């Protein structure tokens, strides 16, 4: 009987692409991949550490898996494993803790395990994070997440990612286009370009992010690309103009703001001002007025007074993005923000999150409702719920229509008919 392996991925799209690649290694080695809630012989957890909540969630998953599968080998990798390996190693049931530098060796480490009872800790020295683990996802969704860059040199005051992922690095464009061809060979039609600081691509090879986009644009079989996230200071006119002109690159941008107050942006050690951020949004809208723009925001950063929060709120209300990803500030050990004065009480942070969530609800509804009555191209996904299938337009409006097997993983022309309370748009397929 083949051994079974399950995967539990926390955090970002980058982790998702890496977990999928590790899963393929296990499958090629004769293992059967099972669901996260199924009985397994090996349980792999790819952890996140962007907040204390992410750390806690990982610990809870480990304990739950050990209770459910007391004889299973539990291997933990990812950013939490990189930053606090010995904290994880003390949790009952953990057999292997592997840092990000050797994440690609996880399969080999697991199959070679010789003794159990004491967790084995590998390559968790932050100074040693120099390797690039090539990864893309497959088999899980209609789209693939393609890792093009890893690490970050920015060292923002609140963030541990530089310590967990190392310095910015990448592999050559030629290698990444070959990865994209592998994705196309699986039959997937859409790629999400992902990384820690995606727009910083080229540090290792001296190439440019815009040249990567041009090369990926020429890969046959891929019909859609999305850029998962890009820093405001790195989204150049050239990139915006290219995306506007290319039929493959969708009108969809995820751009972190974090704060609309220049004072708070300075404390955060961000590399742009609120006016520069607004300029980038206006440039995108001038060429792509239908663009979906998602924005990250942090509330309650040390020193954020009511007037600073009001600057953030007013900027977002004026710019009217399609969606807000809102996070209350989470103090991370070892970051400069830990020692900053004027801490904001958690209840105030939470209140500010609620205010932005209410704004987001209005903005997202208005954005989606604006397209009702129009035609659009939708890539439908395989999941069926209550006789309906779901997919996304190019500008990332979620659409639902009566299930048709022949439309799955195919871009179909639809008429957008109405919007429901969940902001899903009901569609009629026109072919």
Foldseek 3Di string as FASTA:
>chain_A
DAFEEEEAEDDDLVSVQLRQVVVVVVVVVRHHYDYLPDAGQEYEYAFDPFFVVRVVVVLVSQVVNCVVHVNHAYEYEHQCLLPCVVVVQPRPRYAEREAPQVSVCVVVCVVPDDDGDGHDYYDSQLVPNDDDDFGKHDDPKLEIEGEFKEADDQQFQFGCRCSRTPHIDGDDLVVSLVVLLVRLVRQRAEYEYDYPAQQVPCPHPVDGSLVSVVSNLPRPRHQAYEHPAHELVRCDLSNLVVLLPRRHYFLEYEYEDQFQAQVVCVNRSGDDHNVSSLVSLVSNCVSPVLAAYEYEYEFFQAPCDPVRLVSRVVSCLVSLHQAYDYYYRHHDPPGNSVPGPRGGDPVVRVVSSVVVVVVNLVSNLVSLQVQAQHKFKWAWMDDDDPQKTWTATSNGAIEIEGDDPVRHSHIFIWHFHAADSVRYTYIDTDD
